[in-house]
Amino acid sequence: MFLERASFRRRRLGDAARVLPVLAAVLILVPVWWTPALVSFAGGAVWLFGIWAALIAAVWALHRALARADAATLRASRAIAQDDDHAL
């Protein structure tokens, strides 16, 4: 059961990593879609830099979470393999 939970978490984190570029594209284009005439160059630059910084933080957090999930999956599979060896 633990292996299933660990692999499920790993798959969901991988899905989040795949969705992140699409989310970034949408967030970058939001000011252009909503109020193209009202967005100044400075406001657009601040928005773009803010999204860029947030994406760096999100990628860093996802990377750490994926590394931890991989380690948990590996530990769980080793524990199951050891239990199977001891049962024989």
N, C-alpha and C. Protein backbone atom coordinates (compact mmCIF):
# COMPACT_ATOMS: atom_id res chain seq x y z
N MET A 1 0.82 -1.18 0.00
CA MET A 1 0.00 0.00 0.00
C MET A 1 0.88 1.26 0.00
N PHE A 2 1.98 1.25 0.73
CA PHE A 2 2.84 2.43 0.78
C PHE A 2 3.45 2.70 -0.58
N LEU A 3 3.82 1.66 -1.30
CA LEU A 3 4.41 1.86 -2.62
C LEU A 3 3.40 2.50 -3.56
N GLU A 4 2.15 2.10 -3.47
CA GLU A 4 1.14 2.69 -4.32
C GLU A 4 0.97 4.18 -4.02
N ARG A 5 0.97 4.54 -2.75
CA ARG A 5 0.82 5.94 -2.37
C ARG A 5 2.03 6.76 -2.84
N ALA A 6 3.21 6.21 -2.69
CA ALA A 6 4.43 6.92 -3.12
C ALA A 6 4.46 7.09 -4.63
N SER A 7 4.09 6.06 -5.37
CA SER A 7 4.11 6.19 -6.82
C SER A 7 2.99 7.11 -7.31
N PHE A 8 1.86 7.12 -6.61
CA PHE A 8 0.78 8.04 -6.96
C PHE A 8 1.23 9.48 -6.77
N ARG A 9 1.90 9.76 -5.66
CA ARG A 9 2.40 11.11 -5.41
C ARG A 9 3.42 11.50 -6.48
N ARG A 10 4.27 10.58 -6.85
CA ARG A 10 5.29 10.84 -7.88
C ARG A 10 4.63 11.18 -9.21
N ARG A 11 3.59 10.43 -9.57
CA ARG A 11 2.89 10.70 -10.84
C ARG A 11 2.20 12.06 -10.83
N ARG A 12 1.57 12.41 -9.70
CA ARG A 12 0.89 13.71 -9.62
C ARG A 12 1.88 14.86 -9.67
N LEU A 13 3.04 14.71 -9.06
CA LEU A 13 4.06 15.75 -9.15
C LEU A 13 4.58 15.87 -10.57
N GLY A 14 4.73 14.74 -11.26
CA GLY A 14 5.13 14.78 -12.66
C GLY A 14 4.09 15.48 -13.52
N ASP A 15 2.81 15.26 -13.23
CA ASP A 15 1.74 15.96 -13.95
C ASP A 15 1.82 17.46 -13.70
N ALA A 16 2.09 17.85 -12.46
CA ALA A 16 2.22 19.28 -12.14
C ALA A 16 3.38 19.89 -12.90
N ALA A 17 4.47 19.16 -13.04
CA ALA A 17 5.62 19.66 -13.79
C ALA A 17 5.30 19.82 -15.28
N ARG A 18 4.43 18.97 -15.80
CA ARG A 18 4.04 19.08 -17.20
C ARG A 18 3.08 20.24 -17.45
N VAL A 19 2.26 20.57 -16.46
CA VAL A 19 1.27 21.64 -16.60
C VAL A 19 1.91 23.01 -16.40
N LEU A 20 3.02 23.07 -15.69
CA LEU A 20 3.65 24.35 -15.35
C LEU A 20 3.97 25.23 -16.56
N PRO A 21 4.51 24.73 -17.67
CA PRO A 21 4.76 25.62 -18.81
C PRO A 21 3.48 26.21 -19.42
N VAL A 22 2.41 25.43 -19.44
CA VAL A 22 1.14 25.93 -19.96
C VAL A 22 0.60 27.02 -19.05
N LEU A 23 0.67 26.79 -17.75
CA LEU A 23 0.24 27.81 -16.79
C LEU A 23 1.07 29.08 -16.93
N ALA A 24 2.36 28.93 -17.14
CA ALA A 24 3.23 30.09 -17.32
C ALA A 24 2.83 30.89 -18.55
N ALA A 25 2.56 30.22 -19.64
CA ALA A 25 2.15 30.92 -20.87
C ALA A 25 0.85 31.68 -20.66
N VAL A 26 -0.09 31.06 -19.97
CA VAL A 26 -1.37 31.72 -19.70
C VAL A 26 -1.15 32.94 -18.81
N LEU A 27 -0.35 32.79 -17.76
CA LEU A 27 -0.11 33.91 -16.86
C LEU A 27 0.64 35.07 -17.53
N ILE A 28 1.53 34.75 -18.43
CA ILE A 28 2.26 35.81 -19.14
C ILE A 28 1.31 36.59 -20.05
N LEU A 29 0.33 35.91 -20.62
CA LEU A 29 -0.57 36.57 -21.56
C LEU A 29 -1.79 37.21 -20.91
N VAL A 30 -2.01 37.03 -19.63
CA VAL A 30 -3.19 37.59 -18.97
C VAL A 30 -3.33 39.09 -19.15
N PRO A 31 -2.30 39.90 -18.91
CA PRO A 31 -2.48 41.34 -19.11
C PRO A 31 -2.81 41.71 -20.56
N VAL A 32 -2.27 40.97 -21.48
CA VAL A 32 -2.53 41.25 -22.90
C VAL A 32 -3.98 40.91 -23.25
N TRP A 33 -4.52 39.86 -22.68
CA TRP A 33 -5.90 39.46 -22.96
C TRP A 33 -6.91 40.38 -22.29
N TRP A 34 -6.68 40.70 -21.02
CA TRP A 34 -7.68 41.44 -20.26
C TRP A 34 -7.72 42.92 -20.61
N THR A 35 -6.60 43.58 -20.53
CA THR A 35 -6.58 45.02 -20.75
C THR A 35 -5.35 45.42 -21.56
N PRO A 36 -5.35 45.12 -22.84
CA PRO A 36 -4.14 45.42 -23.63
C PRO A 36 -3.84 46.92 -23.73
N ALA A 37 -4.85 47.76 -23.71
CA ALA A 37 -4.61 49.20 -23.83
C ALA A 37 -4.13 49.81 -22.52
N LEU A 38 -4.42 49.17 -21.39
CA LEU A 38 -4.09 49.74 -20.09
C LEU A 38 -2.75 49.27 -19.53
N VAL A 39 -2.16 48.26 -20.12
CA VAL A 39 -0.90 47.72 -19.60
C VAL A 39 0.25 48.56 -20.14
N SER A 40 0.95 49.21 -19.23
CA SER A 40 2.11 50.01 -19.63
C SER A 40 3.33 49.11 -19.81
N PHE A 41 4.36 49.67 -20.39
CA PHE A 41 5.59 48.90 -20.56
C PHE A 41 6.19 48.53 -19.20
N ALA A 42 6.18 49.47 -18.27
CA ALA A 42 6.74 49.21 -16.94
C ALA A 42 5.89 48.18 -16.19
N GLY A 43 4.59 48.33 -16.28
CA GLY A 43 3.71 47.35 -15.62
C GLY A 43 3.87 45.96 -16.20
N GLY A 44 4.00 45.89 -17.52
CA GLY A 44 4.21 44.61 -18.17
C GLY A 44 5.55 43.99 -17.79
N ALA A 45 6.57 44.83 -17.65
CA ALA A 45 7.89 44.32 -17.26
C ALA A 45 7.86 43.79 -15.84
N VAL A 46 7.17 44.51 -14.93
CA VAL A 46 7.05 44.03 -13.55
C VAL A 46 6.26 42.73 -13.51
N TRP A 47 5.19 42.64 -14.26
CA TRP A 47 4.38 41.41 -14.33
C TRP A 47 5.24 40.25 -14.85
N LEU A 48 5.96 40.49 -15.93
CA LEU A 48 6.78 39.44 -16.53
C LEU A 48 7.88 38.99 -15.56
N PHE A 49 8.55 39.93 -14.90
CA PHE A 49 9.58 39.57 -13.95
C PHE A 49 8.99 38.81 -12.76
N GLY A 50 7.83 39.23 -12.29
CA GLY A 50 7.17 38.52 -11.18
C GLY A 50 6.81 37.10 -11.54
N ILE A 51 6.26 36.90 -12.73
CA ILE A 51 5.91 35.55 -13.20
C ILE A 51 7.19 34.72 -13.35
N TRP A 52 8.23 35.32 -13.88
CA TRP A 52 9.49 34.62 -14.06
C TRP A 52 10.05 34.16 -12.71
N ALA A 53 10.05 35.05 -11.73
CA ALA A 53 10.55 34.70 -10.39
C ALA A 53 9.69 33.62 -9.74
N ALA A 54 8.37 33.72 -9.90
CA ALA A 54 7.47 32.71 -9.34
C ALA A 54 7.70 31.35 -10.01
N LEU A 55 7.96 31.35 -11.31
CA LEU A 55 8.22 30.09 -12.01
C LEU A 55 9.52 29.45 -11.54
N ILE A 56 10.52 30.26 -11.29
CA ILE A 56 11.78 29.72 -10.76
C ILE A 56 11.53 29.04 -9.42
N ALA A 57 10.77 29.71 -8.55
CA ALA A 57 10.46 29.13 -7.24
C ALA A 57 9.61 27.86 -7.37
N ALA A 58 8.65 27.87 -8.30
CA ALA A 58 7.80 26.69 -8.49
C ALA A 58 8.59 25.51 -9.03
N VAL A 59 9.47 25.75 -9.98
CA VAL A 59 10.30 24.67 -10.53
C VAL A 59 11.23 24.12 -9.46
N TRP A 60 11.80 25.00 -8.65
CA TRP A 60 12.67 24.55 -7.55
C TRP A 60 11.89 23.67 -6.57
N ALA A 61 10.69 24.11 -6.19
CA ALA A 61 9.87 23.34 -5.25
C ALA A 61 9.45 21.99 -5.85
N LEU A 62 9.06 21.99 -7.12
CA LEU A 62 8.69 20.73 -7.78
C LEU A 62 9.88 19.79 -7.89
N HIS A 63 11.05 20.33 -8.17
CA HIS A 63 12.25 19.50 -8.26
C HIS A 63 12.54 18.81 -6.92
N ARG A 64 12.47 19.59 -5.84
CA ARG A 64 12.72 19.01 -4.52
C ARG A 64 11.66 17.96 -4.17
N ALA A 65 10.40 18.26 -4.47
CA ALA A 65 9.33 17.32 -4.16
C ALA A 65 9.46 16.04 -4.99
N LEU A 66 9.83 16.18 -6.26
CA LEU A 66 10.03 14.99 -7.10
C LEU A 66 11.21 14.16 -6.61
N ALA A 67 12.27 14.80 -6.18
CA ALA A 67 13.42 14.05 -5.66
C ALA A 67 13.03 13.29 -4.40
N ARG A 68 12.27 13.92 -3.53
CA ARG A 68 11.81 13.24 -2.31
C ARG A 68 10.85 12.10 -2.64
N ALA A 69 9.96 12.32 -3.61
CA ALA A 69 9.02 11.27 -4.00
C ALA A 69 9.74 10.09 -4.63
N ASP A 70 10.76 10.36 -5.43
CA ASP A 70 11.56 9.27 -6.01
C ASP A 70 12.25 8.47 -4.93
N ALA A 71 12.80 9.17 -3.94
CA ALA A 71 13.47 8.48 -2.84
C ALA A 71 12.48 7.65 -2.04
N ALA A 72 11.29 8.17 -1.79
CA ALA A 72 10.27 7.42 -1.05
C ALA A 72 9.82 6.19 -1.82
N THR A 73 9.66 6.33 -3.13
CA THR A 73 9.27 5.19 -3.95
C THR A 73 10.36 4.12 -3.94
N LEU A 74 11.60 4.54 -4.03
CA LEU A 74 12.71 3.60 -4.00
C LEU A 74 12.79 2.89 -2.65
N ARG A 75 12.65 3.64 -1.56
CA ARG A 75 12.66 3.01 -0.22
C ARG A 75 11.53 2.02 -0.07
N ALA A 76 10.34 2.38 -0.56
CA ALA A 76 9.19 1.49 -0.44
C ALA A 76 9.39 0.23 -1.25
N SER A 77 9.91 0.36 -2.46
CA SER A 77 10.11 -0.84 -3.28
C SER A 77 11.19 -1.73 -2.67
N ARG A 78 12.23 -1.14 -2.07
CA ARG A 78 13.25 -1.95 -1.41
C ARG A 78 12.68 -2.65 -0.19
N ALA A 79 11.83 -1.96 0.57
CA ALA A 79 11.23 -2.57 1.75
C ALA A 79 10.33 -3.73 1.36
N ILE A 80 9.58 -3.58 0.29
CA ILE A 80 8.71 -4.66 -0.18
C ILE A 80 9.55 -5.83 -0.67
N ALA A 81 10.63 -5.54 -1.37
CA ALA A 81 11.52 -6.62 -1.86
C ALA A 81 12.16 -7.36 -0.68
N GLN A 82 12.55 -6.64 0.35
CA GLN A 82 13.15 -7.29 1.52
C GLN A 82 12.11 -8.14 2.25
N ASP A 83 10.88 -7.65 2.35
CA ASP A 83 9.83 -8.42 2.99
C ASP A 83 9.53 -9.68 2.20
N ASP A 84 9.58 -9.59 0.88
CA ASP A 84 9.35 -10.76 0.06
C ASP A 84 10.49 -11.77 0.21
N ASP A 85 11.74 -11.28 0.35
CA ASP A 85 12.88 -12.16 0.53
C ASP A 85 12.80 -12.88 1.88
N HIS A 86 12.36 -12.16 2.92
CA HIS A 86 12.25 -12.76 4.23
C HIS A 86 11.09 -13.74 4.32
N ALA A 87 10.07 -13.55 3.51
CA ALA A 87 8.91 -14.44 3.53
C ALA A 87 9.26 -15.78 2.89
N LEU A 88 10.22 -15.77 1.99
CA LEU A 88 10.61 -17.02 1.33
C LEU A 88 11.47 -17.79 2.24
